[in-house]
Amino acid sequence: AHELQMRLYRAMTASERGALALRMSDDVRRIAAEGIRQRHPDYSEHEVRRALLALLYGADAAARVWPRLPVPRP
């Protein structure tokens, strides 16, 4: 299965691979945000976004973006 998938990727143009990478990145972010929502149903959408940023880039990055707010747990 892996070799078939690699052949399919190699057959794509650079533009197609780029578009696929963007879609996959968006999918991962949506899945991660949904996981945060399920673990923390009390979080507002803003808290979910802050927790997602902390998950993806670290708590220090989230604290720098929102210095006056606590960093929610992902």
Protein backbone atom coordinates (compact mmCIF):
# COMPACT_ATOMS: atom_id res chain seq x y z
CA ALA A 1 0.00 0.00 0.00
CA HIS A 2 2.85 2.38 0.86
CA GLU A 3 4.57 1.85 -2.49
CA LEU A 4 1.32 2.48 -4.36
CA GLN A 5 0.74 5.66 -2.40
CA MET A 6 4.28 6.84 -3.16
CA ARG A 7 3.78 6.17 -6.89
CA LEU A 8 0.59 8.21 -6.81
CA TYR A 9 2.38 11.10 -5.08
CA ARG A 10 5.23 10.96 -7.60
CA ALA A 11 2.76 11.07 -10.46
CA MET A 12 1.28 14.34 -9.17
CA THR A 13 2.46 17.72 -10.34
CA ALA A 14 4.16 20.00 -7.83
CA SER A 15 0.98 22.08 -7.71
CA GLU A 16 -1.14 19.01 -6.97
CA ARG A 17 1.24 17.88 -4.21
CA GLY A 18 1.18 21.37 -2.70
CA ALA A 19 -2.62 21.48 -2.74
CA LEU A 20 -2.77 18.03 -1.16
CA ALA A 21 -0.32 19.06 1.56
CA LEU A 22 -2.45 22.11 2.40
CA ARG A 23 -5.62 20.00 2.58
CA MET A 24 -3.90 17.44 4.80
CA SER A 25 -2.59 20.20 7.09
CA ASP A 26 -6.09 21.68 7.38
CA ASP A 27 -7.50 18.22 8.13
CA VAL A 28 -4.96 17.63 10.91
CA ARG A 29 -5.79 21.01 12.48
CA ARG A 30 -9.53 20.28 12.35
CA ILE A 31 -9.03 16.84 13.90
CA ALA A 32 -6.78 18.26 16.64
CA ALA A 33 -9.29 21.04 17.40
CA GLU A 34 -12.08 18.48 17.63
CA GLY A 35 -10.00 16.43 20.06
CA ILE A 36 -9.53 19.53 22.23
CA ARG A 37 -13.30 20.19 22.13
CA GLN A 38 -14.01 16.61 23.19
CA ARG A 39 -11.50 16.71 26.04
CA HIS A 40 -12.61 20.18 27.17
CA PRO A 41 -16.32 20.65 26.34
CA ASP A 42 -16.36 23.75 28.55
CA TYR A 43 -13.83 25.61 26.33
CA SER A 44 -15.08 28.48 24.20
CA GLU A 45 -14.04 28.56 20.54
CA HIS A 46 -11.40 31.13 21.45
CA GLU A 47 -9.98 28.79 24.11
CA VAL A 48 -9.96 25.95 21.57
CA ARG A 49 -7.95 28.14 19.16
CA ARG A 50 -5.50 29.10 21.91
CA ALA A 51 -5.13 25.46 23.02
CA LEU A 52 -4.59 24.39 19.40
CA LEU A 53 -1.85 26.99 18.97
CA ALA A 54 -0.23 25.73 22.18
CA LEU A 55 -0.46 22.16 20.90
CA LEU A 56 1.03 22.97 17.51
CA TYR A 57 3.66 25.55 18.44
CA GLY A 58 4.12 25.23 22.20
CA ALA A 59 2.77 27.01 25.25
CA ASP A 60 5.43 29.73 24.98
CA ALA A 61 4.17 30.72 21.53
CA ALA A 62 0.57 30.83 22.77
CA ALA A 63 1.63 32.96 25.73
CA ARG A 64 3.39 35.40 23.40
CA VAL A 65 0.35 35.70 21.12
CA TRP A 66 -2.05 36.23 24.04
CA PRO A 67 0.20 37.53 26.85
CA ARG A 68 -2.63 38.49 29.22
CA LEU A 69 -4.51 35.18 29.00
CA PRO A 70 -3.65 31.83 30.52
CA VAL A 71 -2.67 29.11 28.08
CA PRO A 72 -5.45 26.48 28.01
CA ARG A 73 -4.43 22.83 28.18
CA PRO A 74 -4.77 21.03 24.86
